[in-house]
Amino acid sequence: MIKRTGELTLTILGMVIALMVFAFGIFAKTLKNTQELQDLIKQSNATNNASITADDMVQAVHMLGTSLILSGIIGFIIALVASFFIKGNKKPKLAGTLLIIAALITVILSVGIGLLVGILFLIAAIMCFVRKPKTT
């Protein structure tokens, strides 16, 4: 029986960072309703002669927050399921597949902000596929 401590550690670390992505998404969504953000965007647009309006920028921040929340939650849940398959070396191939799916979803939905999460999940998935028990 192989100890899967490395895979489990990388998965848990990725899950913690995925929760941070989720928290950042909630923070981005709360910024939508602040007048200070709108004033800052208007001031920035006035100095830079930007063609984007303040309302468009606030809407973009709101959409980014939504995608970060979704990517953080979905990545966390899939990795949590994968970690149960890793623990005790139950089904490492299925866990590796789930971690690859979690990595892709997290990176794509978070528009690249969850890249570190994706890398950690991908390394753990590769370790799940490559490490084999020693034959005697």
C-alpha atoms as a PDB file:
ATOM      1  CA  MET A   1       0.000   0.000   0.000  1.00  0.00           C
ATOM      2  CA  ILE A   2       1.333   3.400  -0.995  1.00  0.00           C
ATOM      3  CA  LYS A   3       1.030   6.359   1.276  1.00  0.00           C
ATOM      4  CA  ARG A   4      -0.653   9.173  -0.618  1.00  0.00           C
ATOM      5  CA  THR A   5       0.449  11.959   1.713  1.00  0.00           C
ATOM      6  CA  GLY A   6       1.872  14.130  -1.070  1.00  0.00           C
ATOM      7  CA  GLU A   7      -1.255  13.946  -3.196  1.00  0.00           C
ATOM      8  CA  LEU A   8      -3.497  14.631  -0.221  1.00  0.00           C
ATOM      9  CA  THR A   9      -1.363  17.573   0.936  1.00  0.00           C
ATOM     10  CA  LEU A  10      -1.386  19.207  -2.505  1.00  0.00           C
ATOM     11  CA  THR A  11      -5.129  18.649  -2.807  1.00  0.00           C
ATOM     12  CA  ILE A  12      -5.869  20.180   0.595  1.00  0.00           C
ATOM     13  CA  LEU A  13      -3.584  23.141  -0.135  1.00  0.00           C
ATOM     14  CA  GLY A  14      -5.395  23.666  -3.438  1.00  0.00           C
ATOM     15  CA  MET A  15      -8.745  23.481  -1.637  1.00  0.00           C
ATOM     16  CA  VAL A  16      -7.660  26.168   0.837  1.00  0.00           C
ATOM     17  CA  ILE A  17      -6.554  28.458  -1.995  1.00  0.00           C
ATOM     18  CA  ALA A  18      -9.824  27.714  -3.834  1.00  0.00           C
ATOM     19  CA  LEU A  19     -11.666  28.973  -0.758  1.00  0.00           C
ATOM     20  CA  MET A  20      -9.531  32.121  -0.918  1.00  0.00           C
ATOM     21  CA  VAL A  21     -10.582  32.576  -4.555  1.00  0.00           C
ATOM     22  CA  PHE A  22     -14.194  32.169  -3.394  1.00  0.00           C
ATOM     23  CA  ALA A  23     -13.672  34.808  -0.676  1.00  0.00           C
ATOM     24  CA  PHE A  24     -12.094  37.173  -3.216  1.00  0.00           C
ATOM     25  CA  GLY A  25     -15.146  36.682  -5.416  1.00  0.00           C
ATOM     26  CA  ILE A  26     -17.460  37.631  -2.566  1.00  0.00           C
ATOM     27  CA  PHE A  27     -15.301  40.699  -1.919  1.00  0.00           C
ATOM     28  CA  ALA A  28     -15.506  41.673  -5.608  1.00  0.00           C
ATOM     29  CA  LYS A  29     -19.292  41.347  -5.567  1.00  0.00           C
ATOM     30  CA  THR A  30     -19.593  43.562  -2.489  1.00  0.00           C
ATOM     31  CA  LEU A  31     -17.538  46.240  -4.244  1.00  0.00           C
ATOM     32  CA  LYS A  32     -20.288  46.650  -6.814  1.00  0.00           C
ATOM     33  CA  ASN A  33     -22.520  48.584  -4.456  1.00  0.00           C
ATOM     34  CA  THR A  34     -19.916  51.006  -3.113  1.00  0.00           C
ATOM     35  CA  GLN A  35     -20.006  54.594  -4.257  1.00  0.00           C
ATOM     36  CA  GLU A  36     -16.259  54.928  -3.621  1.00  0.00           C
ATOM     37  CA  LEU A  37     -15.476  52.404  -6.371  1.00  0.00           C
ATOM     38  CA  GLN A  38     -17.689  54.205  -8.854  1.00  0.00           C
ATOM     39  CA  ASP A  39     -16.094  57.544  -7.981  1.00  0.00           C
ATOM     40  CA  LEU A  40     -12.607  56.045  -8.338  1.00  0.00           C
ATOM     41  CA  ILE A  41     -13.467  54.609 -11.752  1.00  0.00           C
ATOM     42  CA  LYS A  42     -14.949  57.920 -12.930  1.00  0.00           C
ATOM     43  CA  GLN A  43     -11.840  59.786 -11.744  1.00  0.00           C
ATOM     44  CA  SER A  44      -9.563  57.266 -13.478  1.00  0.00           C
ATOM     45  CA  ASN A  45     -11.565  57.490 -16.696  1.00  0.00           C
ATOM     46  CA  ALA A  46     -11.388  61.277 -16.643  1.00  0.00           C
ATOM     47  CA  THR A  47      -7.598  61.309 -16.323  1.00  0.00           C
ATOM     48  CA  ASN A  48      -6.976  58.534 -18.862  1.00  0.00           C
ATOM     49  CA  ASN A  49      -9.642  59.513 -21.412  1.00  0.00           C
ATOM     50  CA  ALA A  50     -10.979  55.949 -21.334  1.00  0.00           C
ATOM     51  CA  SER A  51     -13.979  54.992 -23.434  1.00  0.00           C
ATOM     52  CA  ILE A  52     -15.334  52.559 -20.823  1.00  0.00           C
ATOM     53  CA  THR A  53     -18.017  53.983 -18.579  1.00  0.00           C
ATOM     54  CA  ALA A  54     -18.066  53.531 -14.827  1.00  0.00           C
ATOM     55  CA  ASP A  55     -21.200  51.409 -15.044  1.00  0.00           C
ATOM     56  CA  ASP A  56     -19.512  49.041 -17.503  1.00  0.00           C
ATOM     57  CA  MET A  57     -16.506  48.684 -15.211  1.00  0.00           C
ATOM     58  CA  VAL A  58     -18.683  48.013 -12.156  1.00  0.00           C
ATOM     59  CA  GLN A  59     -20.608  45.402 -14.151  1.00  0.00           C
ATOM     60  CA  ALA A  60     -17.329  43.732 -15.153  1.00  0.00           C
ATOM     61  CA  VAL A  61     -16.226  43.580 -11.504  1.00  0.00           C
ATOM     62  CA  HIS A  62     -19.590  42.062 -10.611  1.00  0.00           C
ATOM     63  CA  MET A  63     -19.276  39.405 -13.336  1.00  0.00           C
ATOM     64  CA  LEU A  64     -15.715  38.608 -12.245  1.00  0.00           C
ATOM     65  CA  GLY A  65     -16.929  38.158  -8.674  1.00  0.00           C
ATOM     66  CA  THR A  66     -19.603  35.731  -9.824  1.00  0.00           C
ATOM     67  CA  SER A  67     -17.144  33.654 -11.836  1.00  0.00           C
ATOM     68  CA  LEU A  68     -14.664  33.567  -8.931  1.00  0.00           C
ATOM     69  CA  ILE A  69     -17.370  32.394  -6.545  1.00  0.00           C
ATOM     70  CA  LEU A  70     -18.440  29.633  -8.934  1.00  0.00           C
ATOM     71  CA  SER A  71     -14.896  28.480  -9.672  1.00  0.00           C
ATOM     72  CA  GLY A  72     -13.922  28.440  -5.998  1.00  0.00           C
ATOM     73  CA  ILE A  73     -16.953  26.426  -4.906  1.00  0.00           C
ATOM     74  CA  ILE A  74     -16.940  23.956  -7.806  1.00  0.00           C
ATOM     75  CA  GLY A  75     -13.179  23.365  -7.532  1.00  0.00           C
ATOM     76  CA  PHE A  76     -13.429  22.914  -3.771  1.00  0.00           C
ATOM     77  CA  ILE A  77     -16.283  20.406  -3.962  1.00  0.00           C
ATOM     78  CA  ILE A  78     -14.711  18.287  -6.711  1.00  0.00           C
ATOM     79  CA  ALA A  79     -11.352  18.287  -4.886  1.00  0.00           C
ATOM     80  CA  LEU A  80     -13.086  17.323  -1.642  1.00  0.00           C
ATOM     81  CA  VAL A  81     -14.612  14.287  -3.335  1.00  0.00           C
ATOM     82  CA  ALA A  82     -11.231  13.437  -4.882  1.00  0.00           C
ATOM     83  CA  SER A  83      -9.530  13.688  -1.498  1.00  0.00           C
ATOM     84  CA  PHE A  84     -11.848  10.991  -0.127  1.00  0.00           C
ATOM     85  CA  PHE A  85     -10.735   8.703  -2.960  1.00  0.00           C
ATOM     86  CA  ILE A  86      -7.072   9.526  -2.309  1.00  0.00           C
ATOM     87  CA  LYS A  87      -7.286   8.872   1.429  1.00  0.00           C
ATOM     88  CA  GLY A  88      -6.597   5.238   2.112  1.00  0.00           C
ATOM     89  CA  ASN A  89      -5.509   4.719  -1.516  1.00  0.00           C
ATOM     90  CA  LYS A  90      -9.087   3.726  -2.435  1.00  0.00           C
ATOM     91  CA  LYS A  91      -9.348   4.839  -6.067  1.00  0.00           C
ATOM     92  CA  PRO A  92      -6.330   6.958  -7.052  1.00  0.00           C
ATOM     93  CA  LYS A  93      -7.151   6.891 -10.802  1.00  0.00           C
ATOM     94  CA  LEU A  94     -10.642   8.289 -10.208  1.00  0.00           C
ATOM     95  CA  ALA A  95      -9.201  10.869  -7.813  1.00  0.00           C
ATOM     96  CA  GLY A  96      -6.671  11.915 -10.468  1.00  0.00           C
ATOM     97  CA  THR A  97      -9.406  12.303 -13.055  1.00  0.00           C
ATOM     98  CA  LEU A  98     -11.513  14.394 -10.679  1.00  0.00           C
ATOM     99  CA  LEU A  99      -8.522  16.588  -9.850  1.00  0.00           C
ATOM    100  CA  ILE A 100      -7.851  17.240 -13.541  1.00  0.00           C
ATOM    101  CA  ILE A 101     -11.500  18.222 -14.000  1.00  0.00           C
ATOM    102  CA  ALA A 102     -11.305  20.483 -10.922  1.00  0.00           C
ATOM    103  CA  ALA A 103      -8.110  22.098 -12.239  1.00  0.00           C
ATOM    104  CA  LEU A 104      -9.622  22.847 -15.638  1.00  0.00           C
ATOM    105  CA  ILE A 105     -12.876  24.208 -14.234  1.00  0.00           C
ATOM    106  CA  THR A 106     -11.111  26.365 -11.658  1.00  0.00           C
ATOM    107  CA  VAL A 107      -8.658  27.923 -14.105  1.00  0.00           C
ATOM    108  CA  ILE A 108     -11.201  28.501 -16.878  1.00  0.00           C
ATOM    109  CA  LEU A 109     -14.004  29.888 -14.710  1.00  0.00           C
ATOM    110  CA  SER A 110     -11.726  32.107 -12.657  1.00  0.00           C
ATOM    111  CA  VAL A 111     -10.290  33.702 -15.806  1.00  0.00           C
ATOM    112  CA  GLY A 112      -6.786  32.636 -14.801  1.00  0.00           C
ATOM    113  CA  ILE A 113      -6.922  33.923 -11.225  1.00  0.00           C
ATOM    114  CA  GLY A 114      -7.153  30.353  -9.932  1.00  0.00           C
ATOM    115  CA  LEU A 115      -4.040  29.270 -11.834  1.00  0.00           C
ATOM    116  CA  LEU A 116      -2.182  28.267  -8.662  1.00  0.00           C
ATOM    117  CA  VAL A 117      -5.129  26.092  -7.614  1.00  0.00           C
ATOM    118  CA  GLY A 118      -5.140  24.456 -11.027  1.00  0.00           C
ATOM    119  CA  ILE A 119      -1.415  23.769 -10.907  1.00  0.00           C
ATOM    120  CA  LEU A 120      -1.651  22.181  -7.452  1.00  0.00           C
ATOM    121  CA  PHE A 121      -4.581  19.995  -8.501  1.00  0.00           C
ATOM    122  CA  LEU A 122      -2.788  19.013 -11.703  1.00  0.00           C
ATOM    123  CA  ILE A 123       0.404  17.995  -9.876  1.00  0.00           C
ATOM    124  CA  ALA A 124      -1.633  15.938  -7.403  1.00  0.00           C
ATOM    125  CA  ALA A 125      -3.499  14.291 -10.304  1.00  0.00           C
ATOM    126  CA  ILE A 126      -0.271  13.376 -12.081  1.00  0.00           C
ATOM    127  CA  MET A 127       1.050  11.880  -8.838  1.00  0.00           C
ATOM    128  CA  CYS A 128      -2.154   9.832  -8.524  1.00  0.00           C
ATOM    129  CA  PHE A 129      -1.643   8.393 -12.003  1.00  0.00           C
ATOM    130  CA  VAL A 130       2.118   7.833 -11.870  1.00  0.00           C
ATOM    131  CA  ARG A 131       2.759   6.391  -8.420  1.00  0.00           C
ATOM    132  CA  LYS A 132       2.232   2.648  -8.347  1.00  0.00           C
ATOM    133  CA  PRO A 133       2.591   0.161  -5.499  1.00  0.00           C
ATOM    134  CA  LYS A 134       5.830  -1.790  -5.412  1.00  0.00           C
ATOM    135  CA  THR A 135       5.508  -5.354  -6.619  1.00  0.00           C
ATOM    136  CA  THR A 136       7.334  -8.034  -4.700  1.00  0.00           C
END
